[in-house]
Amino acid sequence: MTEIPDLRTLHVLDGGMATELERRGCDISGPLWSAHVLDTAPEIIAQVHLDYLRAGADCISTVSYQVSAMGYAELGGPPADAAKALRESVAIAEAAREEYRLEAGRQVFIAASLGPYGAALHNGAEFHGRYDISFDNLVAFHAERLAAVIETNADMIALETVPSLGEARAIVNALRRFPGISAWVSFTCKDSEHVAHGERLADCAAALNDVPQVVAVGINCTAPHLIGSLILEAKATTKPILVYPNSGEQWDATLRRWYGTSSVSAFAEMARTWYVAGAYAVGGCCRTTPAHIRAVRQVFDQQMAPTGAV
C-alpha cells in the first residue's frame, strides 16, 4: 500500500457484508461481529465477495470492520490475533478478486474495512460517538490497526461509520503516522444535516479537505431517505463523495432484530438521484444484498455513464 489509488473506475461499491453472512447462516452474534466468520467459514466470505463482484461492484470491503486488539482481548486472545485477522481478511478478498479477474478481467479495488472505536465496544456507541476515551488513546486505537493493514495488499482503507468530527480528527492523526496509506472516511448520520454525534456533516467533510491521504469522503450506515440532502452537505469537501446507506430497514436495539421492508427497485431509483446529486460512487451497507448492487450497477451503466453525469 504505497500509491494513491486511481479512483476513475470506482463508481459502484459493494453491499452489506455482516447481514449478508447472517442471511447465509453464519453466526455474527459475538463481540467481533462478522469477523467471527474468518475462523468458522472463510469460504462463505469469499463467496459473498464474488457475488458482489459479479453483481458489478468496483470495490469489495474486507470482513474486518469490528476487528481490534481489545475485541480479541475480550475473548482471551493476544493483540497479535487482531493483526492476523486483518491480514487474513485482506487475503480472502485478494483470492476472490483474482478468481473474478480470471472470469471478467475487470479492474476492481479492495478496501480494508475498519470501524470506529464504538464498533469495538459492540454496544451501539458508534451511533452516538460519546466515548469515555482520551483523544490520544483514540488515535492509538486507530493507529494500531493501520499498522497491521499497511502490511497488506489492500488498495485503500475504508474508515467507516465514523460518528463525530472528533473521531475523524483522531483518524487523521493516526493516518499521518503511516504516509503510505490512502483511505476514505465515511460518516454515519442521524438526520439530513448532522453526523451521529451532532456536528454538521459539512464541517466534518470540510475538515478532511487538506488531508492528502484521505482520497474520498463517505456517508454510510444511514437511512437512504436522508442521503440526497446529506450529499449536498458533503459537497463542502473537494474530494469524491461515496454513499452506501442501509437498505431502508431499521434496527430494533431492544429486540435485536431488523424490521420494515426493503425494495431493490426503490433503492435503485434512489441511487439514480444520488448520482445526479453528486455522489461519485454508490453502494450499500446493512441489509443490502448483491441484488441491490446489481440494480445500482444497471442504473450507473444505463443512465449515468452515457450522460457524463458522474
C-alpha atoms as a PDB file:
ATOM      1  CA  MET A   1       0.000   0.000   0.000  1.00  0.00           C
ATOM      2  CA  THR A   2       2.249   2.733  -1.310  1.00  0.00           C
ATOM      3  CA  GLU A   3       0.393   4.555  -4.085  1.00  0.00           C
ATOM      4  CA  ILE A   4      -2.689   6.774  -4.106  1.00  0.00           C
ATOM      5  CA  PRO A   5      -5.339   4.715  -5.935  1.00  0.00           C
ATOM      6  CA  ASP A   6      -6.773   5.989  -9.207  1.00  0.00           C
ATOM      7  CA  LEU A   7     -10.499   6.148  -8.464  1.00  0.00           C
ATOM      8  CA  ARG A   8     -11.662   6.908 -12.005  1.00  0.00           C
ATOM      9  CA  THR A   9     -13.233   3.442 -12.324  1.00  0.00           C
ATOM     10  CA  LEU A  10     -14.764   3.394  -8.837  1.00  0.00           C
ATOM     11  CA  HIS A  11     -18.484   4.106  -9.203  1.00  0.00           C
ATOM     12  CA  VAL A  12     -20.246   1.110  -7.641  1.00  0.00           C
ATOM     13  CA  LEU A  13     -19.395  -0.140  -4.145  1.00  0.00           C
ATOM     14  CA  ASP A  14     -20.383  -3.488  -2.672  1.00  0.00           C
ATOM     15  CA  GLY A  15     -23.235  -4.052  -0.217  1.00  0.00           C
ATOM     16  CA  GLY A  16     -23.676  -5.290   3.311  1.00  0.00           C
ATOM     17  CA  MET A  17     -21.252  -7.975   4.474  1.00  0.00           C
ATOM     18  CA  ALA A  18     -22.285  -8.883   8.033  1.00  0.00           C
ATOM     19  CA  THR A  19     -26.010  -9.035   7.356  1.00  0.00           C
ATOM     20  CA  GLU A  20     -25.351 -10.985   4.143  1.00  0.00           C
ATOM     21  CA  LEU A  21     -23.249 -13.517   6.078  1.00  0.00           C
ATOM     22  CA  GLU A  22     -26.053 -13.796   8.612  1.00  0.00           C
ATOM     23  CA  ARG A  23     -28.544 -14.306   5.777  1.00  0.00           C
ATOM     24  CA  ARG A  24     -26.394 -17.249   4.653  1.00  0.00           C
ATOM     25  CA  GLY A  25     -26.485 -18.901   8.056  1.00  0.00           C
ATOM     26  CA  CYS A  26     -23.370 -17.516   9.770  1.00  0.00           C
ATOM     27  CA  ASP A  27     -23.373 -16.626  13.478  1.00  0.00           C
ATOM     28  CA  ILE A  28     -22.237 -12.999  13.897  1.00  0.00           C
ATOM     29  CA  SER A  29     -23.532 -12.521  17.439  1.00  0.00           C
ATOM     30  CA  GLY A  30     -20.166 -12.287  19.253  1.00  0.00           C
ATOM     31  CA  PRO A  31     -18.011  -9.228  20.050  1.00  0.00           C
ATOM     32  CA  LEU A  32     -16.158  -9.462  16.734  1.00  0.00           C
ATOM     33  CA  TRP A  33     -19.404  -9.433  14.707  1.00  0.00           C
ATOM     34  CA  SER A  34     -18.763 -10.585  11.135  1.00  0.00           C
ATOM     35  CA  ALA A  35     -15.053 -11.203  11.836  1.00  0.00           C
ATOM     36  CA  HIS A  36     -16.014 -14.384  13.716  1.00  0.00           C
ATOM     37  CA  VAL A  37     -16.650 -15.918  10.296  1.00  0.00           C
ATOM     38  CA  LEU A  38     -12.942 -15.587   9.447  1.00  0.00           C
ATOM     39  CA  ASP A  39     -12.413 -18.627  11.683  1.00  0.00           C
ATOM     40  CA  THR A  40     -15.641 -20.512  11.108  1.00  0.00           C
ATOM     41  CA  ALA A  41     -16.436 -20.168   7.398  1.00  0.00           C
ATOM     42  CA  PRO A  42     -13.931 -18.121   5.340  1.00  0.00           C
ATOM     43  CA  GLU A  43     -15.259 -19.766   2.184  1.00  0.00           C
ATOM     44  CA  ILE A  44     -18.611 -18.030   2.693  1.00  0.00           C
ATOM     45  CA  ILE A  45     -16.862 -14.660   2.991  1.00  0.00           C
ATOM     46  CA  ALA A  46     -15.103 -15.346  -0.300  1.00  0.00           C
ATOM     47  CA  GLN A  47     -18.403 -16.268  -1.936  1.00  0.00           C
ATOM     48  CA  VAL A  48     -20.032 -13.025  -0.756  1.00  0.00           C
ATOM     49  CA  HIS A  49     -17.124 -11.049  -2.214  1.00  0.00           C
ATOM     50  CA  LEU A  50     -17.512 -12.887  -5.511  1.00  0.00           C
ATOM     51  CA  ASP A  51     -21.261 -12.359  -5.572  1.00  0.00           C
ATOM     52  CA  TYR A  52     -20.775  -8.605  -5.163  1.00  0.00           C
ATOM     53  CA  LEU A  53     -18.128  -8.504  -7.876  1.00  0.00           C
ATOM     54  CA  ARG A  54     -20.357 -10.467 -10.237  1.00  0.00           C
ATOM     55  CA  ALA A  55     -23.185  -8.065  -9.416  1.00  0.00           C
ATOM     56  CA  GLY A  56     -20.993  -5.221 -10.685  1.00  0.00           C
ATOM     57  CA  ALA A  57     -19.171  -3.803  -7.650  1.00  0.00           C
ATOM     58  CA  ASP A  58     -15.961  -1.937  -8.439  1.00  0.00           C
ATOM     59  CA  CYS A  59     -14.719  -2.379  -4.863  1.00  0.00           C
ATOM     60  CA  ILE A  60     -15.072  -5.030  -2.167  1.00  0.00           C
ATOM     61  CA  SER A  61     -14.625  -4.255   1.532  1.00  0.00           C
ATOM     62  CA  THR A  62     -12.977  -6.758   3.853  1.00  0.00           C
ATOM     63  CA  VAL A  63     -14.735  -8.535   6.718  1.00  0.00           C
ATOM     64  CA  SER A  64     -12.713  -6.624   9.327  1.00  0.00           C
ATOM     65  CA  TYR A  65     -14.989  -3.775  10.425  1.00  0.00           C
ATOM     66  CA  GLN A  66     -15.076  -4.857  14.070  1.00  0.00           C
ATOM     67  CA  VAL A  67     -11.565  -6.307  14.368  1.00  0.00           C
ATOM     68  CA  SER A  68      -9.443  -4.797  17.146  1.00  0.00           C
ATOM     69  CA  ALA A  69      -6.971  -5.891  19.779  1.00  0.00           C
ATOM     70  CA  MET A  70      -9.479  -5.021  22.512  1.00  0.00           C
ATOM     71  CA  GLY A  71     -12.058  -7.228  20.843  1.00  0.00           C
ATOM     72  CA  TYR A  72      -9.726 -10.201  20.763  1.00  0.00           C
ATOM     73  CA  ALA A  73      -8.623  -9.487  24.337  1.00  0.00           C
ATOM     74  CA  GLU A  74     -12.259  -9.823  25.371  1.00  0.00           C
ATOM     75  CA  LEU A  75     -12.120 -13.356  24.000  1.00  0.00           C
ATOM     76  CA  GLY A  76      -8.851 -14.068  25.807  1.00  0.00           C
ATOM     77  CA  GLY A  77      -6.612 -13.684  22.779  1.00  0.00           C
ATOM     78  CA  PRO A  78      -3.380 -11.665  22.356  1.00  0.00           C
ATOM     79  CA  PRO A  79      -3.214  -8.438  20.314  1.00  0.00           C
ATOM     80  CA  ALA A  80      -1.425 -10.373  17.567  1.00  0.00           C
ATOM     81  CA  ASP A  81      -4.688 -12.185  16.840  1.00  0.00           C
ATOM     82  CA  ALA A  82      -6.263  -8.943  15.664  1.00  0.00           C
ATOM     83  CA  ALA A  83      -3.397  -8.156  13.301  1.00  0.00           C
ATOM     84  CA  LYS A  84      -3.564 -11.700  11.941  1.00  0.00           C
ATOM     85  CA  ALA A  85      -7.315 -11.401  11.370  1.00  0.00           C
ATOM     86  CA  LEU A  86      -6.880  -8.114   9.498  1.00  0.00           C
ATOM     87  CA  ARG A  87      -4.303  -9.689   7.208  1.00  0.00           C
ATOM     88  CA  GLU A  88      -6.467 -12.766   6.658  1.00  0.00           C
ATOM     89  CA  SER A  89      -9.483 -10.649   5.745  1.00  0.00           C
ATOM     90  CA  VAL A  90      -7.471  -8.944   3.010  1.00  0.00           C
ATOM     91  CA  ALA A  91      -6.077 -12.266   1.784  1.00  0.00           C
ATOM     92  CA  ILE A  92      -9.616 -13.655   1.363  1.00  0.00           C
ATOM     93  CA  ALA A  93     -10.618 -10.577  -0.620  1.00  0.00           C
ATOM     94  CA  GLU A  94      -7.478 -10.895  -2.757  1.00  0.00           C
ATOM     95  CA  ALA A  95      -8.287 -14.507  -3.619  1.00  0.00           C
ATOM     96  CA  ALA A  96     -11.841 -13.557  -4.584  1.00  0.00           C
ATOM     97  CA  ARG A  97     -10.568 -10.679  -6.711  1.00  0.00           C
ATOM     98  CA  GLU A  98      -8.140 -12.973  -8.523  1.00  0.00           C
ATOM     99  CA  GLU A  99     -10.854 -15.522  -9.227  1.00  0.00           C
ATOM    100  CA  TYR A 100     -13.034 -12.744 -10.585  1.00  0.00           C
ATOM    101  CA  ARG A 101     -10.178 -11.338 -12.679  1.00  0.00           C
ATOM    102  CA  LEU A 102      -9.880 -14.678 -14.432  1.00  0.00           C
ATOM    103  CA  GLU A 103     -13.612 -14.542 -15.144  1.00  0.00           C
ATOM    104  CA  ALA A 104     -14.041 -10.934 -16.208  1.00  0.00           C
ATOM    105  CA  GLY A 105     -10.694  -9.165 -16.466  1.00  0.00           C
ATOM    106  CA  ARG A 106     -12.158  -6.016 -14.904  1.00  0.00           C
ATOM    107  CA  GLN A 107     -10.150  -3.827 -12.534  1.00  0.00           C
ATOM    108  CA  VAL A 108     -11.573  -3.825  -9.010  1.00  0.00           C
ATOM    109  CA  PHE A 109     -10.376  -2.473  -5.687  1.00  0.00           C
ATOM    110  CA  ILE A 110     -10.025  -3.887  -2.192  1.00  0.00           C
ATOM    111  CA  ALA A 111     -10.812  -1.591   0.735  1.00  0.00           C
ATOM    112  CA  ALA A 112      -9.785  -2.779   4.181  1.00  0.00           C
ATOM    113  CA  SER A 113     -12.798  -2.020   6.367  1.00  0.00           C
ATOM    114  CA  LEU A 114     -12.126  -0.500   9.801  1.00  0.00           C
ATOM    115  CA  GLY A 115     -14.937   0.617  12.059  1.00  0.00           C
ATOM    116  CA  PRO A 116     -14.855   3.361  14.698  1.00  0.00           C
ATOM    117  CA  TYR A 117     -13.953   2.884  18.339  1.00  0.00           C
ATOM    118  CA  GLY A 118     -17.626   2.470  19.178  1.00  0.00           C
ATOM    119  CA  ALA A 119     -17.822  -0.642  16.988  1.00  0.00           C
ATOM    120  CA  ALA A 120     -15.152  -2.315  19.125  1.00  0.00           C
ATOM    121  CA  LEU A 121     -17.287  -1.614  22.194  1.00  0.00           C
ATOM    122  CA  HIS A 122     -20.122  -3.558  20.447  1.00  0.00           C
ATOM    123  CA  ASN A 123     -22.774  -1.657  22.375  1.00  0.00           C
ATOM    124  CA  GLY A 124     -24.050   0.663  19.659  1.00  0.00           C
ATOM    125  CA  ALA A 125     -21.772   3.527  20.679  1.00  0.00           C
ATOM    126  CA  GLU A 126     -20.795   4.187  17.065  1.00  0.00           C
ATOM    127  CA  PHE A 127     -24.291   5.589  16.596  1.00  0.00           C
ATOM    128  CA  HIS A 128     -23.769   8.383  19.121  1.00  0.00           C
ATOM    129  CA  GLY A 129     -19.974   8.705  19.410  1.00  0.00           C
ATOM    130  CA  ARG A 130     -19.918   9.616  23.087  1.00  0.00           C
ATOM    131  CA  TYR A 131     -16.862   7.675  24.222  1.00  0.00           C
ATOM    132  CA  ASP A 132     -15.022   7.531  27.524  1.00  0.00           C
ATOM    133  CA  ILE A 133     -11.571   7.665  25.940  1.00  0.00           C
ATOM    134  CA  SER A 134      -8.927  10.362  25.584  1.00  0.00           C
ATOM    135  CA  PHE A 135      -8.064  11.801  22.204  1.00  0.00           C
ATOM    136  CA  ASP A 136      -4.541  10.361  22.338  1.00  0.00           C
ATOM    137  CA  ASN A 137      -5.868   6.885  23.130  1.00  0.00           C
ATOM    138  CA  LEU A 138      -8.375   7.195  20.304  1.00  0.00           C
ATOM    139  CA  VAL A 139      -5.507   7.991  17.932  1.00  0.00           C
ATOM    140  CA  ALA A 140      -3.612   4.969  19.269  1.00  0.00           C
ATOM    141  CA  PHE A 141      -6.650   2.713  18.763  1.00  0.00           C
ATOM    142  CA  HIS A 142      -6.811   3.585  15.081  1.00  0.00           C
ATOM    143  CA  ALA A 143      -3.032   3.569  14.583  1.00  0.00           C
ATOM    144  CA  GLU A 144      -2.726   0.035  15.954  1.00  0.00           C
ATOM    145  CA  ARG A 145      -4.983  -1.337  13.222  1.00  0.00           C
ATOM    146  CA  LEU A 146      -3.459   0.816  10.479  1.00  0.00           C
ATOM    147  CA  ALA A 147      -0.062  -0.665  11.341  1.00  0.00           C
ATOM    148  CA  ALA A 148      -1.385  -4.132  10.510  1.00  0.00           C
ATOM    149  CA  VAL A 149      -3.240  -3.164   7.338  1.00  0.00           C
ATOM    150  CA  ILE A 150      -0.302  -1.298   5.796  1.00  0.00           C
ATOM    151  CA  GLU A 151       1.448  -4.656   5.502  1.00  0.00           C
ATOM    152  CA  THR A 152      -1.296  -5.993   3.187  1.00  0.00           C
ATOM    153  CA  ASN A 153      -2.154  -5.558  -0.467  1.00  0.00           C
ATOM    154  CA  ALA A 154      -5.366  -3.635   0.161  1.00  0.00           C
ATOM    155  CA  ASP A 155      -5.681  -0.705  -2.234  1.00  0.00           C
ATOM    156  CA  MET A 156      -7.041   1.609   0.433  1.00  0.00           C
ATOM    157  CA  ILE A 157      -8.705   1.645   3.830  1.00  0.00           C
ATOM    158  CA  ALA A 158     -12.375   2.317   4.452  1.00  0.00           C
ATOM    159  CA  LEU A 159     -12.699   4.027   7.833  1.00  0.00           C
ATOM    160  CA  GLU A 160     -16.421   3.620   8.219  1.00  0.00           C
ATOM    161  CA  THR A 161     -19.399   4.636  10.329  1.00  0.00           C
ATOM    162  CA  VAL A 162     -17.440   7.481  11.921  1.00  0.00           C
ATOM    163  CA  PRO A 163     -19.877   9.279  14.239  1.00  0.00           C
ATOM    164  CA  SER A 164     -18.096  12.519  15.056  1.00  0.00           C
ATOM    165  CA  LEU A 165     -15.726  15.238  13.952  1.00  0.00           C
ATOM    166  CA  GLY A 166     -13.524  14.415  16.940  1.00  0.00           C
ATOM    167  CA  GLU A 167     -13.024  10.823  15.844  1.00  0.00           C
ATOM    168  CA  ALA A 168     -12.366  11.942  12.272  1.00  0.00           C
ATOM    169  CA  ARG A 169      -9.591  14.179  13.598  1.00  0.00           C
ATOM    170  CA  ALA A 170      -8.162  11.261  15.593  1.00  0.00           C
ATOM    171  CA  ILE A 171      -8.206   9.167  12.413  1.00  0.00           C
ATOM    172  CA  VAL A 172      -6.323  11.876  10.533  1.00  0.00           C
ATOM    173  CA  ASN A 173      -3.663  11.956  13.261  1.00  0.00           C
ATOM    174  CA  ALA A 174      -3.346   8.177  13.064  1.00  0.00           C
ATOM    175  CA  LEU A 175      -3.083   8.229   9.263  1.00  0.00           C
ATOM    176  CA  ARG A 176      -0.220  10.711   9.422  1.00  0.00           C
ATOM    177  CA  ARG A 177       1.878   8.067  11.175  1.00  0.00           C
ATOM    178  CA  PHE A 178       1.617   5.929   8.030  1.00  0.00           C
ATOM    179  CA  PRO A 179       2.225   8.125   4.955  1.00  0.00           C
ATOM    180  CA  GLY A 180       1.814   5.156   2.594  1.00  0.00           C
ATOM    181  CA  ILE A 181      -1.848   4.629   3.471  1.00  0.00           C
ATOM    182  CA  SER A 182      -4.725   6.024   1.417  1.00  0.00           C
ATOM    183  CA  ALA A 183      -8.196   5.944   2.929  1.00  0.00           C
ATOM    184  CA  TRP A 184     -11.726   7.110   2.653  1.00  0.00           C
ATOM    185  CA  VAL A 185     -13.510   8.361   5.761  1.00  0.00           C
ATOM    186  CA  SER A 186     -17.248   7.698   5.903  1.00  0.00           C
ATOM    187  CA  PHE A 187     -19.665   9.167   8.440  1.00  0.00           C
ATOM    188  CA  THR A 188     -22.903   7.821   9.906  1.00  0.00           C
ATOM    189  CA  CYS A 189     -25.599  10.473  10.153  1.00  0.00           C
ATOM    190  CA  LYS A 190     -28.679  10.927  12.318  1.00  0.00           C
ATOM    191  CA  ASP A 191     -30.595  13.369  10.134  1.00  0.00           C
ATOM    192  CA  SER A 192     -30.282  15.264   6.866  1.00  0.00           C
ATOM    193  CA  GLU A 193     -27.513  17.583   8.117  1.00  0.00           C
ATOM    194  CA  HIS A 194     -25.729  16.116  11.128  1.00  0.00           C
ATOM    195  CA  VAL A 195     -23.458  13.192  11.902  1.00  0.00           C
ATOM    196  CA  ALA A 196     -24.445  10.914  14.765  1.00  0.00           C
ATOM    197  CA  HIS A 197     -22.616  12.910  17.430  1.00  0.00           C
ATOM    198  CA  GLY A 198     -24.254  16.172  16.326  1.00  0.00           C
ATOM    199  CA  GLU A 199     -21.719  18.064  14.214  1.00  0.00           C
ATOM    200  CA  ARG A 200     -22.667  19.276  10.747  1.00  0.00           C
ATOM    201  CA  LEU A 201     -21.603  16.825   8.080  1.00  0.00           C
ATOM    202  CA  ALA A 202     -20.449  19.830   6.066  1.00  0.00           C
ATOM    203  CA  ASP A 203     -17.949  20.708   8.808  1.00  0.00           C
ATOM    204  CA  CYS A 204     -16.723  17.111   9.018  1.00  0.00           C
ATOM    205  CA  ALA A 205     -16.272  16.901   5.252  1.00  0.00           C
ATOM    206  CA  ALA A 206     -14.508  20.251   5.022  1.00  0.00           C
ATOM    207  CA  ALA A 207     -12.094  19.237   7.794  1.00  0.00           C
ATOM    208  CA  LEU A 208     -10.727  16.490   5.515  1.00  0.00           C
ATOM    209  CA  ASN A 209     -10.071  18.713   2.506  1.00  0.00           C
ATOM    210  CA  ASP A 210      -6.409  19.310   3.248  1.00  0.00           C
ATOM    211  CA  VAL A 211      -5.546  15.709   4.152  1.00  0.00           C
ATOM    212  CA  PRO A 212      -3.872  14.149   1.089  1.00  0.00           C
ATOM    213  CA  GLN A 213      -4.199  10.600   2.453  1.00  0.00           C
ATOM    214  CA  VAL A 214      -7.992  10.902   2.518  1.00  0.00           C
ATOM    215  CA  VAL A 215      -8.984  10.163  -1.072  1.00  0.00           C
ATOM    216  CA  ALA A 216     -12.777  10.354  -0.613  1.00  0.00           C
ATOM    217  CA  VAL A 217     -15.460  11.237   1.926  1.00  0.00           C
ATOM    218  CA  GLY A 218     -18.421   8.975   2.511  1.00  0.00           C
ATOM    219  CA  ILE A 219     -21.802   8.532   4.162  1.00  0.00           C
ATOM    220  CA  ASN A 220     -22.746   5.037   5.321  1.00  0.00           C
ATOM    221  CA  CYS A 221     -24.972   3.132   7.743  1.00  0.00           C
ATOM    222  CA  THR A 222     -27.589   5.841   7.370  1.00  0.00           C
ATOM    223  CA  ALA A 223     -31.238   5.788   6.303  1.00  0.00           C
ATOM    224  CA  PRO A 224     -31.452   6.044   2.498  1.00  0.00           C
ATOM    225  CA  HIS A 225     -34.109   8.770   2.525  1.00  0.00           C
ATOM    226  CA  LEU A 226     -31.545  11.133   4.104  1.00  0.00           C
ATOM    227  CA  ILE A 227     -28.819  10.600   1.538  1.00  0.00           C
ATOM    228  CA  GLY A 228     -29.884  13.203  -1.025  1.00  0.00           C
ATOM    229  CA  SER A 229     -29.702  16.056   1.469  1.00  0.00           C
ATOM    230  CA  LEU A 230     -26.509  14.713   3.004  1.00  0.00           C
ATOM    231  CA  ILE A 231     -24.758  14.701  -0.372  1.00  0.00           C
ATOM    232  CA  LEU A 232     -25.392  18.437  -0.552  1.00  0.00           C
ATOM    233  CA  GLU A 233     -23.844  18.809   2.910  1.00  0.00           C
ATOM    234  CA  ALA A 234     -20.870  16.659   1.920  1.00  0.00           C
ATOM    235  CA  LYS A 235     -20.126  18.949  -1.015  1.00  0.00           C
ATOM    236  CA  ALA A 236     -18.208  21.047   1.490  1.00  0.00           C
ATOM    237  CA  THR A 237     -15.369  18.709   0.541  1.00  0.00           C
ATOM    238  CA  THR A 238     -13.473  18.871  -2.740  1.00  0.00           C
ATOM    239  CA  LYS A 239     -12.964  15.099  -2.649  1.00  0.00           C
ATOM    240  CA  PRO A 240     -15.137  12.409  -4.284  1.00  0.00           C
ATOM    241  CA  ILE A 241     -18.286  11.606  -2.311  1.00  0.00           C
ATOM    242  CA  LEU A 242     -19.203   7.963  -1.666  1.00  0.00           C
ATOM    243  CA  VAL A 243     -22.600   6.897  -0.327  1.00  0.00           C
ATOM    244  CA  TYR A 244     -23.621   3.472   0.922  1.00  0.00           C
ATOM    245  CA  PRO A 245     -26.707   3.635   3.117  1.00  0.00           C
ATOM    246  CA  ASN A 246     -28.663   0.863   4.767  1.00  0.00           C
ATOM    247  CA  SER A 247     -31.433  -0.902   2.861  1.00  0.00           C
ATOM    248  CA  GLY A 248     -34.214   1.169   4.411  1.00  0.00           C
ATOM    249  CA  GLU A 249     -34.991  -1.349   7.132  1.00  0.00           C
ATOM    250  CA  GLN A 250     -34.449  -0.285  10.745  1.00  0.00           C
ATOM    251  CA  TRP A 251     -32.685  -1.929  13.675  1.00  0.00           C
ATOM    252  CA  ASP A 252     -34.528  -2.519  16.955  1.00  0.00           C
ATOM    253  CA  ALA A 253     -31.733  -2.465  19.553  1.00  0.00           C
ATOM    254  CA  THR A 254     -34.026  -3.787  22.305  1.00  0.00           C
ATOM    255  CA  LEU A 255     -35.286  -6.809  20.414  1.00  0.00           C
ATOM    256  CA  ARG A 256     -32.063  -7.046  18.398  1.00  0.00           C
ATOM    257  CA  ARG A 257     -33.755  -7.510  15.075  1.00  0.00           C
ATOM    258  CA  TRP A 258     -34.398  -5.665  11.845  1.00  0.00           C
ATOM    259  CA  TYR A 259     -37.869  -4.543  10.913  1.00  0.00           C
ATOM    260  CA  GLY A 260     -39.527  -2.837   7.994  1.00  0.00           C
ATOM    261  CA  THR A 261     -39.184  -3.612   4.314  1.00  0.00           C
ATOM    262  CA  SER A 262     -36.648  -3.056   1.596  1.00  0.00           C
ATOM    263  CA  SER A 263     -37.276  -2.706  -2.130  1.00  0.00           C
ATOM    264  CA  VAL A 264     -34.430  -3.288  -4.555  1.00  0.00           C
ATOM    265  CA  SER A 265     -36.155  -1.256  -7.264  1.00  0.00           C
ATOM    266  CA  ALA A 266     -36.790   1.674  -4.912  1.00  0.00           C
ATOM    267  CA  PHE A 267     -33.165   1.578  -3.761  1.00  0.00           C
ATOM    268  CA  ALA A 268     -32.019   1.657  -7.378  1.00  0.00           C
ATOM    269  CA  GLU A 269     -34.228   4.640  -8.162  1.00  0.00           C
ATOM    270  CA  MET A 270     -32.812   6.495  -5.153  1.00  0.00           C
ATOM    271  CA  ALA A 271     -29.319   5.572  -6.328  1.00  0.00           C
ATOM    272  CA  ARG A 272     -30.024   7.353  -9.604  1.00  0.00           C
ATOM    273  CA  THR A 273     -30.905  10.536  -7.719  1.00  0.00           C
ATOM    274  CA  TRP A 274     -27.773  10.207  -5.580  1.00  0.00           C
ATOM    275  CA  TYR A 275     -25.560  10.064  -8.646  1.00  0.00           C
ATOM    276  CA  VAL A 276     -27.343  13.084 -10.094  1.00  0.00           C
ATOM    277  CA  ALA A 277     -26.900  14.949  -6.794  1.00  0.00           C
ATOM    278  CA  GLY A 278     -23.145  14.427  -6.929  1.00  0.00           C
ATOM    279  CA  ALA A 279     -22.273  11.023  -5.498  1.00  0.00           C
ATOM    280  CA  TYR A 280     -19.160   9.666  -7.181  1.00  0.00           C
ATOM    281  CA  ALA A 281     -19.847   6.088  -6.083  1.00  0.00           C
ATOM    282  CA  VAL A 282     -22.892   4.307  -4.645  1.00  0.00           C
ATOM    283  CA  GLY A 283     -23.202   1.044  -2.728  1.00  0.00           C
ATOM    284  CA  GLY A 284     -24.999  -0.339   0.277  1.00  0.00           C
ATOM    285  CA  CYS A 285     -24.496  -1.002   3.969  1.00  0.00           C
ATOM    286  CA  CYS A 286     -26.596  -3.083   6.400  1.00  0.00           C
ATOM    287  CA  ARG A 287     -29.222  -5.385   4.861  1.00  0.00           C
ATOM    288  CA  THR A 288     -28.329  -4.561   1.282  1.00  0.00           C
ATOM    289  CA  THR A 289     -27.563  -7.573  -0.909  1.00  0.00           C
ATOM    290  CA  PRO A 290     -25.984  -8.453  -4.254  1.00  0.00           C
ATOM    291  CA  ALA A 291     -29.402  -7.796  -5.807  1.00  0.00           C
ATOM    292  CA  HIS A 292     -29.232  -4.176  -4.601  1.00  0.00           C
ATOM    293  CA  ILE A 293     -25.742  -3.759  -6.051  1.00  0.00           C
ATOM    294  CA  ARG A 294     -26.734  -5.330  -9.367  1.00  0.00           C
ATOM    295  CA  ALA A 295     -29.549  -2.798  -9.614  1.00  0.00           C
ATOM    296  CA  VAL A 296     -27.184   0.087  -8.787  1.00  0.00           C
ATOM    297  CA  ARG A 297     -24.763  -1.140 -11.456  1.00  0.00           C
ATOM    298  CA  GLN A 298     -27.568  -1.131 -14.012  1.00  0.00           C
ATOM    299  CA  VAL A 299     -28.532   2.409 -13.030  1.00  0.00           C
ATOM    300  CA  PHE A 300     -24.985   3.627 -13.461  1.00  0.00           C
ATOM    301  CA  ASP A 301     -24.341   1.815 -16.734  1.00  0.00           C
ATOM    302  CA  GLN A 302     -27.680   2.576 -18.374  1.00  0.00           C
ATOM    303  CA  GLN A 303     -28.471   6.047 -17.094  1.00  0.00           C
ATOM    304  CA  MET A 304     -25.419   7.757 -15.622  1.00  0.00           C
ATOM    305  CA  ALA A 305     -22.290   6.723 -17.510  1.00  0.00           C
ATOM    306  CA  PRO A 306     -23.543   7.706 -21.010  1.00  0.00           C
ATOM    307  CA  THR A 307     -24.607  11.183 -19.857  1.00  0.00           C
ATOM    308  CA  GLY A 308     -21.325  12.039 -18.179  1.00  0.00           C
ATOM    309  CA  ALA A 309     -23.260  12.872 -15.017  1.00  0.00           C
ATOM    310  CA  VAL A 310     -20.512  11.382 -12.844  1.00  0.00           C
END
